[in-house]
Amino acid sequence: MNFIVFDLEATCWEGNSNNKVQETIEIGAFLINGYGEEVKRCYNRFIRPVINPYLSKFCTDLTSIQQEQVDRADKFDRVIEDFQDWAEIFDEEYILCSWGDFDKKILQNDCKLHKLDDLWLMPYINLKKQYQDIRRLKKPRGLKTSVEIEGFEFTGVHHRAIDDAENLAKLFLKYLDEWRI
């Protein structure tokens, strides 16, 4: 069984943006086997949004992702196919793991937008919810706080998919035997 510990960044706006469609702009992931070994080099790609192709100032400030990076990137359908090949989802048993349901929901929305099958998203666990249960917390914590409380240094830039995925992998490995699969 492989665990795909991943994080996404998506288009975003300050304040109420209920009428705007969020799209993935970066995916970062680590592939970890059931023994807690990183199986492959990390995966990190930018994605060019199509509905709202220009990043808001709020989005670039939050994520540090620049307009030029997404302008040079492939669209979702190409990147997600490459991601699926990298993760070997058609060859190996796997479970997608992210901090909260946001990442899965954005992928589902992107699959729908690009008319792609989203059944590959079914083997999934919400590590944020499970971490809350494992630690018996009344309220969920953010990723950065959780990483630091567990005694790890939060490395990289918060709200960059590859860095958040790397920090999430630290928590994942610490509690490898406790996740409900």
N, C-alpha and C. Protein backbone atom coordinates (compact mmCIF):
# COMPACT_ATOMS: atom_id res chain seq x y z
N MET A 1 0.85 -1.19 0.00
CA MET A 1 0.00 0.00 0.00
C MET A 1 0.88 1.24 0.00
N ASN A 2 0.62 2.14 -0.93
CA ASN A 2 1.33 3.42 -0.97
C ASN A 2 0.43 4.53 -0.43
N PHE A 3 1.04 5.47 0.23
CA PHE A 3 0.35 6.64 0.74
C PHE A 3 0.85 7.85 -0.03
N ILE A 4 -0.06 8.58 -0.64
CA ILE A 4 0.28 9.78 -1.39
C ILE A 4 -0.08 10.96 -0.50
N VAL A 5 0.93 11.48 0.18
CA VAL A 5 0.75 12.62 1.09
C VAL A 5 0.92 13.87 0.23
N PHE A 6 -0.19 14.63 0.10
CA PHE A 6 -0.16 15.73 -0.85
C PHE A 6 -0.80 16.99 -0.29
N ASP A 7 -0.52 18.08 -0.97
CA ASP A 7 -1.13 19.37 -0.66
C ASP A 7 -1.31 20.12 -1.97
N LEU A 8 -2.33 20.98 -1.99
CA LEU A 8 -2.62 21.82 -3.16
C LEU A 8 -2.62 23.28 -2.76
N GLU A 9 -2.36 24.12 -3.72
CA GLU A 9 -2.67 25.54 -3.61
C GLU A 9 -3.63 25.84 -4.74
N ALA A 10 -4.54 26.76 -4.49
CA ALA A 10 -5.58 27.07 -5.46
C ALA A 10 -5.75 28.57 -5.60
N THR A 11 -6.36 28.97 -6.70
CA THR A 11 -6.68 30.38 -6.86
C THR A 11 -7.52 30.83 -5.67
N CYS A 12 -7.30 32.05 -5.23
CA CYS A 12 -8.02 32.55 -4.05
C CYS A 12 -8.08 34.07 -4.09
N TRP A 13 -9.04 34.59 -3.33
CA TRP A 13 -9.28 36.02 -3.28
C TRP A 13 -9.54 36.41 -1.84
N GLU A 14 -9.25 37.64 -1.52
CA GLU A 14 -9.51 38.12 -0.17
C GLU A 14 -11.01 38.33 0.02
N GLY A 15 -11.47 38.00 1.21
CA GLY A 15 -12.88 38.21 1.52
C GLY A 15 -13.78 37.15 0.94
N ASN A 16 -15.02 37.50 0.72
CA ASN A 16 -16.03 36.55 0.23
C ASN A 16 -15.84 36.32 -1.26
N SER A 17 -15.47 35.11 -1.62
CA SER A 17 -15.26 34.78 -3.03
C SER A 17 -16.16 33.61 -3.43
N ASN A 18 -17.35 33.52 -2.83
CA ASN A 18 -18.25 32.41 -3.11
C ASN A 18 -18.63 32.29 -4.57
N ASN A 19 -18.62 33.40 -5.29
CA ASN A 19 -19.02 33.35 -6.69
C ASN A 19 -17.86 33.03 -7.63
N LYS A 20 -16.68 32.81 -7.10
CA LYS A 20 -15.52 32.51 -7.94
C LYS A 20 -15.14 31.05 -7.81
N VAL A 21 -14.80 30.47 -8.94
CA VAL A 21 -14.38 29.06 -8.99
C VAL A 21 -12.90 28.98 -8.65
N GLN A 22 -12.58 28.19 -7.62
CA GLN A 22 -11.17 27.97 -7.29
C GLN A 22 -10.63 26.84 -8.14
N GLU A 23 -9.40 27.00 -8.60
CA GLU A 23 -8.73 25.99 -9.40
C GLU A 23 -7.35 25.72 -8.82
N THR A 24 -6.90 24.51 -8.93
CA THR A 24 -5.57 24.14 -8.46
C THR A 24 -4.51 24.90 -9.26
N ILE A 25 -3.52 25.45 -8.54
CA ILE A 25 -2.41 26.11 -9.21
C ILE A 25 -1.06 25.47 -8.86
N GLU A 26 -1.05 24.62 -7.82
CA GLU A 26 0.18 23.89 -7.48
C GLU A 26 -0.21 22.61 -6.77
N ILE A 27 0.51 21.54 -7.09
CA ILE A 27 0.35 20.28 -6.37
C ILE A 27 1.74 19.82 -5.94
N GLY A 28 1.82 19.43 -4.68
CA GLY A 28 3.07 18.88 -4.13
C GLY A 28 2.73 17.59 -3.42
N ALA A 29 3.59 16.58 -3.55
CA ALA A 29 3.27 15.28 -2.96
C ALA A 29 4.52 14.47 -2.67
N PHE A 30 4.34 13.54 -1.72
CA PHE A 30 5.36 12.55 -1.39
C PHE A 30 4.70 11.19 -1.43
N LEU A 31 5.38 10.22 -1.98
CA LEU A 31 4.88 8.85 -2.06
C LEU A 31 5.61 8.02 -1.01
N ILE A 32 4.85 7.51 -0.05
CA ILE A 32 5.41 6.78 1.09
C ILE A 32 4.79 5.39 1.13
N ASN A 33 5.62 4.37 1.32
CA ASN A 33 5.06 3.01 1.39
C ASN A 33 4.62 2.69 2.82
N GLY A 34 4.05 1.52 2.99
CA GLY A 34 3.51 1.11 4.28
C GLY A 34 4.56 0.95 5.37
N TYR A 35 5.83 0.93 4.99
CA TYR A 35 6.92 0.83 5.97
C TYR A 35 7.45 2.20 6.36
N GLY A 36 6.86 3.25 5.79
CA GLY A 36 7.30 4.60 6.11
C GLY A 36 8.50 5.06 5.32
N GLU A 37 8.73 4.44 4.19
CA GLU A 37 9.87 4.83 3.35
C GLU A 37 9.36 5.66 2.18
N GLU A 38 10.08 6.75 1.90
CA GLU A 38 9.74 7.53 0.72
C GLU A 38 10.12 6.71 -0.50
N VAL A 39 9.14 6.44 -1.34
CA VAL A 39 9.34 5.55 -2.47
C VAL A 39 9.96 6.27 -3.66
N LYS A 40 9.55 7.49 -3.87
CA LYS A 40 10.03 8.26 -5.02
C LYS A 40 10.37 9.67 -4.59
N ARG A 41 11.10 10.34 -5.46
CA ARG A 41 11.31 11.76 -5.24
C ARG A 41 9.97 12.46 -5.17
N CYS A 42 9.94 13.58 -4.53
CA CYS A 42 8.69 14.32 -4.39
C CYS A 42 8.18 14.77 -5.76
N TYR A 43 6.90 15.07 -5.78
CA TYR A 43 6.26 15.56 -7.00
C TYR A 43 5.85 17.01 -6.76
N ASN A 44 6.18 17.89 -7.69
CA ASN A 44 5.79 19.28 -7.56
C ASN A 44 5.60 19.89 -8.94
N ARG A 45 4.38 20.38 -9.18
CA ARG A 45 4.09 21.02 -10.47
C ARG A 45 3.13 22.18 -10.25
N PHE A 46 3.29 23.20 -11.07
CA PHE A 46 2.33 24.29 -11.14
C PHE A 46 1.29 23.93 -12.19
N ILE A 47 0.11 24.55 -12.07
CA ILE A 47 -0.99 24.29 -13.00
C ILE A 47 -1.57 25.64 -13.44
N ARG A 48 -1.82 25.76 -14.73
CA ARG A 48 -2.38 27.00 -15.27
C ARG A 48 -3.91 26.99 -15.12
N PRO A 49 -4.46 27.93 -14.37
CA PRO A 49 -5.92 27.99 -14.23
C PRO A 49 -6.55 28.51 -15.53
N VAL A 50 -7.79 28.09 -15.79
CA VAL A 50 -8.44 28.49 -17.03
C VAL A 50 -9.65 29.40 -16.82
N ILE A 51 -10.35 29.28 -15.72
CA ILE A 51 -11.54 30.12 -15.49
C ILE A 51 -11.12 31.53 -15.04
N ASN A 52 -10.24 31.59 -14.08
CA ASN A 52 -9.66 32.86 -13.59
C ASN A 52 -8.15 32.75 -13.75
N PRO A 53 -7.65 33.01 -14.97
CA PRO A 53 -6.24 32.75 -15.24
C PRO A 53 -5.26 33.70 -14.56
N TYR A 54 -5.76 34.82 -14.03
CA TYR A 54 -4.86 35.79 -13.38
C TYR A 54 -4.97 35.68 -11.87
N LEU A 55 -3.84 35.45 -11.23
CA LEU A 55 -3.82 35.32 -9.77
C LEU A 55 -4.08 36.67 -9.12
N SER A 56 -4.84 36.64 -8.04
CA SER A 56 -5.08 37.87 -7.28
C SER A 56 -3.83 38.22 -6.48
N LYS A 57 -3.72 39.47 -6.11
CA LYS A 57 -2.61 39.89 -5.24
C LYS A 57 -2.66 39.10 -3.93
N PHE A 58 -3.87 38.89 -3.41
CA PHE A 58 -4.03 38.11 -2.19
C PHE A 58 -3.43 36.71 -2.37
N CYS A 59 -3.69 36.10 -3.50
CA CYS A 59 -3.20 34.73 -3.77
C CYS A 59 -1.67 34.72 -3.87
N THR A 60 -1.10 35.65 -4.60
CA THR A 60 0.36 35.67 -4.72
C THR A 60 1.03 35.99 -3.39
N ASP A 61 0.41 36.87 -2.60
CA ASP A 61 0.96 37.19 -1.27
C ASP A 61 0.88 35.97 -0.35
N LEU A 62 -0.24 35.27 -0.39
CA LEU A 62 -0.45 34.11 0.49
C LEU A 62 0.48 32.95 0.12
N THR A 63 0.56 32.65 -1.15
CA THR A 63 1.26 31.43 -1.59
C THR A 63 2.69 31.66 -2.06
N SER A 64 3.02 32.86 -2.39
CA SER A 64 4.30 33.25 -3.02
C SER A 64 4.41 32.73 -4.46
N ILE A 65 3.34 32.18 -4.99
CA ILE A 65 3.33 31.72 -6.39
C ILE A 65 3.12 32.94 -7.28
N GLN A 66 3.95 33.06 -8.28
CA GLN A 66 3.90 34.21 -9.18
C GLN A 66 3.13 33.90 -10.46
N GLN A 67 2.59 34.93 -11.05
CA GLN A 67 1.80 34.78 -12.28
C GLN A 67 2.59 34.07 -13.37
N GLU A 68 3.87 34.40 -13.52
CA GLU A 68 4.69 33.79 -14.56
C GLU A 68 4.79 32.27 -14.38
N GLN A 69 4.79 31.81 -13.13
CA GLN A 69 4.90 30.37 -12.87
C GLN A 69 3.67 29.62 -13.38
N VAL A 70 2.50 30.16 -13.15
CA VAL A 70 1.29 29.47 -13.65
C VAL A 70 1.11 29.71 -15.14
N ASP A 71 1.55 30.85 -15.65
CA ASP A 71 1.45 31.10 -17.09
C ASP A 71 2.25 30.09 -17.90
N ARG A 72 3.39 29.68 -17.37
CA ARG A 72 4.26 28.72 -18.06
C ARG A 72 3.85 27.26 -17.84
N ALA A 73 2.90 27.05 -16.94
CA ALA A 73 2.51 25.68 -16.55
C ALA A 73 1.51 25.09 -17.54
N ASP A 74 1.40 23.76 -17.48
CA ASP A 74 0.38 23.06 -18.25
C ASP A 74 -0.97 23.20 -17.56
N LYS A 75 -2.02 22.91 -18.29
CA LYS A 75 -3.37 22.92 -17.72
C LYS A 75 -3.57 21.67 -16.87
N PHE A 76 -4.65 21.67 -16.11
CA PHE A 76 -4.95 20.63 -15.13
C PHE A 76 -4.93 19.22 -15.73
N ASP A 77 -5.57 19.03 -16.88
CA ASP A 77 -5.68 17.67 -17.42
C ASP A 77 -4.32 17.03 -17.67
N ARG A 78 -3.39 17.79 -18.18
CA ARG A 78 -2.04 17.25 -18.44
C ARG A 78 -1.28 16.97 -17.14
N VAL A 79 -1.35 17.93 -16.21
CA VAL A 79 -0.61 17.78 -14.96
C VAL A 79 -1.18 16.62 -14.15
N ILE A 80 -2.49 16.49 -14.09
CA ILE A 80 -3.07 15.43 -13.26
C ILE A 80 -2.78 14.06 -13.85
N GLU A 81 -2.71 13.96 -15.16
CA GLU A 81 -2.32 12.69 -15.79
C GLU A 81 -0.87 12.35 -15.41
N ASP A 82 -0.01 13.34 -15.46
CA ASP A 82 1.38 13.14 -15.06
C ASP A 82 1.47 12.74 -13.58
N PHE A 83 0.68 13.39 -12.74
CA PHE A 83 0.64 13.08 -11.31
C PHE A 83 0.18 11.64 -11.08
N GLN A 84 -0.86 11.22 -11.78
CA GLN A 84 -1.36 9.85 -11.64
C GLN A 84 -0.30 8.84 -12.07
N ASP A 85 0.43 9.14 -13.13
CA ASP A 85 1.52 8.25 -13.57
C ASP A 85 2.62 8.20 -12.51
N TRP A 86 3.00 9.37 -11.98
CA TRP A 86 4.04 9.43 -10.95
C TRP A 86 3.62 8.61 -9.73
N ALA A 87 2.36 8.71 -9.33
CA ALA A 87 1.86 8.03 -8.13
C ALA A 87 1.52 6.57 -8.39
N GLU A 88 1.59 6.15 -9.64
CA GLU A 88 1.31 4.75 -10.02
C GLU A 88 -0.07 4.30 -9.55
N ILE A 89 -1.06 5.19 -9.65
CA ILE A 89 -2.38 4.85 -9.12
C ILE A 89 -3.08 3.73 -9.89
N PHE A 90 -2.65 3.48 -11.11
CA PHE A 90 -3.27 2.41 -11.88
C PHE A 90 -2.52 1.09 -11.73
N ASP A 91 -1.39 1.12 -11.02
CA ASP A 91 -0.56 -0.07 -10.86
C ASP A 91 -0.46 -0.56 -9.42
N GLU A 92 -0.64 0.32 -8.45
CA GLU A 92 -0.45 -0.01 -7.04
C GLU A 92 -1.67 0.41 -6.23
N GLU A 93 -1.89 -0.27 -5.10
CA GLU A 93 -2.91 0.20 -4.16
C GLU A 93 -2.38 1.47 -3.49
N TYR A 94 -3.25 2.40 -3.27
CA TYR A 94 -2.83 3.69 -2.71
C TYR A 94 -3.95 4.32 -1.90
N ILE A 95 -3.56 5.27 -1.08
CA ILE A 95 -4.50 6.12 -0.38
C ILE A 95 -3.97 7.55 -0.46
N LEU A 96 -4.82 8.46 -0.89
CA LEU A 96 -4.48 9.88 -0.90
C LEU A 96 -4.65 10.42 0.51
N CYS A 97 -3.73 11.24 0.96
CA CYS A 97 -3.76 11.78 2.32
C CYS A 97 -3.48 13.28 2.27
N SER A 98 -4.41 14.06 2.81
CA SER A 98 -4.19 15.51 2.87
C SER A 98 -4.67 16.05 4.21
N TRP A 99 -4.31 17.30 4.48
CA TRP A 99 -4.67 17.96 5.73
C TRP A 99 -6.01 18.67 5.51
N GLY A 100 -7.10 18.00 5.81
CA GLY A 100 -8.43 18.55 5.59
C GLY A 100 -9.00 18.10 4.26
N ASP A 101 -10.29 18.37 4.06
CA ASP A 101 -10.98 17.94 2.85
C ASP A 101 -10.85 18.91 1.68
N PHE A 102 -10.32 20.10 1.93
CA PHE A 102 -10.24 21.12 0.89
C PHE A 102 -9.54 20.59 -0.36
N ASP A 103 -8.41 19.92 -0.18
CA ASP A 103 -7.61 19.48 -1.31
C ASP A 103 -8.38 18.49 -2.18
N LYS A 104 -9.06 17.56 -1.54
CA LYS A 104 -9.84 16.58 -2.30
C LYS A 104 -10.98 17.27 -3.05
N LYS A 105 -11.66 18.20 -2.39
CA LYS A 105 -12.79 18.91 -3.02
C LYS A 105 -12.32 19.72 -4.23
N ILE A 106 -11.18 20.37 -4.11
CA ILE A 106 -10.67 21.15 -5.24
C ILE A 106 -10.32 20.21 -6.40
N LEU A 107 -9.72 19.06 -6.11
CA LEU A 107 -9.42 18.10 -7.18
C LEU A 107 -10.69 17.59 -7.83
N GLN A 108 -11.71 17.31 -7.03
CA GLN A 108 -12.99 16.87 -7.60
C GLN A 108 -13.57 17.95 -8.52
N ASN A 109 -13.53 19.19 -8.06
CA ASN A 109 -14.04 20.30 -8.88
C ASN A 109 -13.25 20.46 -10.17
N ASP A 110 -11.93 20.33 -10.08
CA ASP A 110 -11.09 20.44 -11.28
C ASP A 110 -11.37 19.29 -12.25
N CYS A 111 -11.55 18.09 -11.72
CA CYS A 111 -11.87 16.95 -12.58
C CYS A 111 -13.19 17.21 -13.31
N LYS A 112 -14.17 17.72 -12.59
CA LYS A 112 -15.47 18.02 -13.20
C LYS A 112 -15.32 19.11 -14.26
N LEU A 113 -14.59 20.17 -13.93
CA LEU A 113 -14.38 21.28 -14.85
C LEU A 113 -13.72 20.81 -16.15
N HIS A 114 -12.78 19.88 -16.03
CA HIS A 114 -12.02 19.41 -17.20
C HIS A 114 -12.58 18.10 -17.77
N LYS A 115 -13.77 17.73 -17.29
CA LYS A 115 -14.46 16.53 -17.78
C LYS A 115 -13.60 15.27 -17.66
N LEU A 116 -13.02 15.09 -16.45
CA LEU A 116 -12.19 13.93 -16.15
C LEU A 116 -12.86 13.10 -15.07
N ASP A 117 -12.58 11.82 -15.08
CA ASP A 117 -13.09 10.91 -14.06
C ASP A 117 -12.46 11.28 -12.72
N ASP A 118 -13.25 11.24 -11.64
CA ASP A 118 -12.70 11.54 -10.32
C ASP A 118 -12.76 10.34 -9.37
N LEU A 119 -13.05 9.17 -9.89
CA LEU A 119 -13.10 7.98 -9.03
C LEU A 119 -11.76 7.66 -8.38
N TRP A 120 -10.68 8.09 -9.00
CA TRP A 120 -9.35 7.83 -8.45
C TRP A 120 -9.13 8.57 -7.12
N LEU A 121 -10.03 9.52 -6.78
CA LEU A 121 -9.92 10.26 -5.53
C LEU A 121 -10.57 9.54 -4.35
N MET A 122 -11.21 8.41 -4.60
CA MET A 122 -11.96 7.72 -3.55
C MET A 122 -11.08 7.16 -2.42
N PRO A 123 -9.96 6.54 -2.70
CA PRO A 123 -9.15 6.07 -1.55
C PRO A 123 -8.48 7.27 -0.88
N TYR A 124 -9.10 7.78 0.16
CA TYR A 124 -8.68 9.06 0.73
C TYR A 124 -8.86 9.07 2.24
N ILE A 125 -7.91 9.71 2.94
CA ILE A 125 -8.10 9.98 4.36
C ILE A 125 -7.76 11.44 4.66
N ASN A 126 -8.54 12.01 5.55
CA ASN A 126 -8.37 13.38 6.02
C ASN A 126 -7.48 13.31 7.26
N LEU A 127 -6.21 13.62 7.09
CA LEU A 127 -5.27 13.53 8.20
C LEU A 127 -5.55 14.56 9.29
N LYS A 128 -6.10 15.70 8.94
CA LYS A 128 -6.41 16.73 9.94
C LYS A 128 -7.44 16.20 10.93
N LYS A 129 -8.49 15.59 10.42
CA LYS A 129 -9.54 15.04 11.28
C LYS A 129 -9.00 13.88 12.12
N GLN A 130 -8.25 13.00 11.48
CA GLN A 130 -7.71 11.87 12.23
C GLN A 130 -6.70 12.31 13.27
N TYR A 131 -5.89 13.31 12.96
CA TYR A 131 -4.93 13.84 13.93
C TYR A 131 -5.68 14.41 15.14
N GLN A 132 -6.77 15.12 14.88
CA GLN A 132 -7.59 15.66 15.96
C GLN A 132 -8.10 14.52 16.86
N ASP A 133 -8.53 13.43 16.24
CA ASP A 133 -9.01 12.28 17.02
C ASP A 133 -7.88 11.59 17.78
N ILE A 134 -6.75 11.39 17.12
CA ILE A 134 -5.61 10.72 17.76
C ILE A 134 -5.14 11.50 18.98
N ARG A 135 -5.05 12.81 18.82
CA ARG A 135 -4.56 13.67 19.92
C ARG A 135 -5.67 14.10 20.88
N ARG A 136 -6.91 13.66 20.60
CA ARG A 136 -8.08 13.99 21.43
C ARG A 136 -8.23 15.51 21.62
N LEU A 137 -8.15 16.22 20.51
CA LEU A 137 -8.27 17.68 20.54
C LEU A 137 -9.73 18.08 20.39
N LYS A 138 -10.13 19.10 21.11
CA LYS A 138 -11.51 19.60 20.98
C LYS A 138 -11.72 20.31 19.66
N LYS A 139 -10.70 21.04 19.22
CA LYS A 139 -10.77 21.76 17.95
C LYS A 139 -9.60 21.35 17.09
N PRO A 140 -9.79 21.33 15.77
CA PRO A 140 -8.66 21.00 14.89
C PRO A 140 -7.60 22.11 14.92
N ARG A 141 -6.38 21.72 14.65
CA ARG A 141 -5.27 22.68 14.57
C ARG A 141 -4.84 22.82 13.11
N GLY A 142 -4.19 23.92 12.85
CA GLY A 142 -3.59 24.10 11.53
C GLY A 142 -2.36 23.23 11.37
N LEU A 143 -1.95 23.05 10.14
CA LEU A 143 -0.80 22.19 9.85
C LEU A 143 0.48 22.72 10.51
N LYS A 144 0.77 23.99 10.33
CA LYS A 144 2.02 24.55 10.86
C LYS A 144 2.08 24.40 12.38
N THR A 145 1.00 24.73 13.06
CA THR A 145 0.94 24.59 14.52
C THR A 145 1.15 23.14 14.93
N SER A 146 0.48 22.22 14.24
CA SER A 146 0.59 20.80 14.58
C SER A 146 2.01 20.29 14.39
N VAL A 147 2.64 20.67 13.30
CA VAL A 147 4.02 20.26 13.03
C VAL A 147 4.93 20.75 14.16
N GLU A 148 4.79 22.01 14.54
CA GLU A 148 5.66 22.57 15.57
C GLU A 148 5.37 21.97 16.95
N ILE A 149 4.11 21.73 17.28
CA ILE A 149 3.77 21.12 18.57
C ILE A 149 4.33 19.70 18.67
N GLU A 150 4.43 19.03 17.53
CA GLU A 150 4.99 17.67 17.52
C GLU A 150 6.51 17.67 17.59
N GLY A 151 7.12 18.84 17.68
CA GLY A 151 8.57 18.92 17.85
C GLY A 151 9.36 19.02 16.57
N PHE A 152 8.69 19.23 15.46
CA PHE A 152 9.39 19.38 14.18
C PHE A 152 9.52 20.85 13.84
N GLU A 153 10.55 21.17 13.09
CA GLU A 153 10.66 22.51 12.54
C GLU A 153 9.82 22.55 11.26
N PHE A 154 8.99 23.57 11.12
CA PHE A 154 8.24 23.74 9.88
C PHE A 154 9.20 24.30 8.85
N THR A 155 9.52 23.52 7.84
CA THR A 155 10.50 23.93 6.84
C THR A 155 9.81 24.43 5.58
N GLY A 156 10.48 25.35 4.90
CA GLY A 156 9.94 25.87 3.65
C GLY A 156 8.97 27.01 3.88
N VAL A 157 8.15 27.25 2.88
CA VAL A 157 7.20 28.36 2.89
C VAL A 157 5.80 27.81 3.11
N HIS A 158 5.16 28.29 4.18
CA HIS A 158 3.78 27.88 4.46
C HIS A 158 2.89 28.36 3.31
N HIS A 159 1.97 27.52 2.89
CA HIS A 159 1.06 27.76 1.76
C HIS A 159 1.77 27.65 0.43
N ARG A 160 2.80 26.83 0.38
CA ARG A 160 3.36 26.34 -0.87
C ARG A 160 3.14 24.84 -0.82
N ALA A 161 2.54 24.29 -1.84
CA ALA A 161 2.09 22.90 -1.81
C ALA A 161 3.21 21.93 -1.49
N ILE A 162 4.36 22.09 -2.12
CA ILE A 162 5.44 21.12 -1.90
C ILE A 162 5.95 21.21 -0.47
N ASP A 163 6.04 22.40 0.08
CA ASP A 163 6.53 22.56 1.45
C ASP A 163 5.50 22.06 2.47
N ASP A 164 4.23 22.38 2.24
CA ASP A 164 3.19 21.87 3.14
C ASP A 164 3.12 20.34 3.08
N ALA A 165 3.28 19.77 1.88
CA ALA A 165 3.27 18.31 1.75
C ALA A 165 4.45 17.69 2.50
N GLU A 166 5.61 18.32 2.43
CA GLU A 166 6.79 17.80 3.14
C GLU A 166 6.58 17.84 4.65
N ASN A 167 6.01 18.93 5.14
CA ASN A 167 5.75 19.03 6.57
C ASN A 167 4.65 18.08 7.01
N LEU A 168 3.64 17.89 6.17
CA LEU A 168 2.59 16.92 6.47
C LEU A 168 3.16 15.50 6.51
N ALA A 169 4.11 15.22 5.65
CA ALA A 169 4.74 13.89 5.65
C ALA A 169 5.44 13.61 6.98
N LYS A 170 5.98 14.63 7.63
CA LYS A 170 6.60 14.45 8.94
C LYS A 170 5.56 13.96 9.95
N LEU A 171 4.39 14.59 9.97
CA LEU A 171 3.32 14.16 10.87
C LEU A 171 2.82 12.77 10.49
N PHE A 172 2.67 12.56 9.19
CA PHE A 172 2.19 11.26 8.72
C PHE A 172 3.09 10.14 9.21
N LEU A 173 4.39 10.32 9.06
CA LEU A 173 5.33 9.28 9.47
C LEU A 173 5.34 9.08 10.98
N LYS A 174 5.21 10.15 11.74
CA LYS A 174 5.21 10.03 13.20
C LYS A 174 4.05 9.15 13.68
N TYR A 175 2.91 9.27 13.03
CA TYR A 175 1.71 8.52 13.44
C TYR A 175 1.35 7.41 12.45
N LEU A 176 2.34 6.92 11.72
CA LEU A 176 2.11 5.93 10.66
C LEU A 176 1.23 4.77 11.11
N ASP A 177 1.44 4.26 12.29
CA ASP A 177 0.69 3.10 12.75
C ASP A 177 -0.67 3.45 13.36
N GLU A 178 -1.00 4.73 13.44
CA GLU A 178 -2.24 5.12 14.10
C GLU A 178 -3.33 5.63 13.16
N TRP A 179 -2.99 5.88 11.89
CA TRP A 179 -4.01 6.37 10.95
C TRP A 179 -5.02 5.27 10.69
N ARG A 180 -6.30 5.62 10.63
CA ARG A 180 -7.36 4.67 10.28
C ARG A 180 -7.46 4.61 8.77
N ILE A 181 -7.21 3.45 8.26
CA ILE A 181 -7.17 3.29 6.79
C ILE A 181 -8.38 2.50 6.33
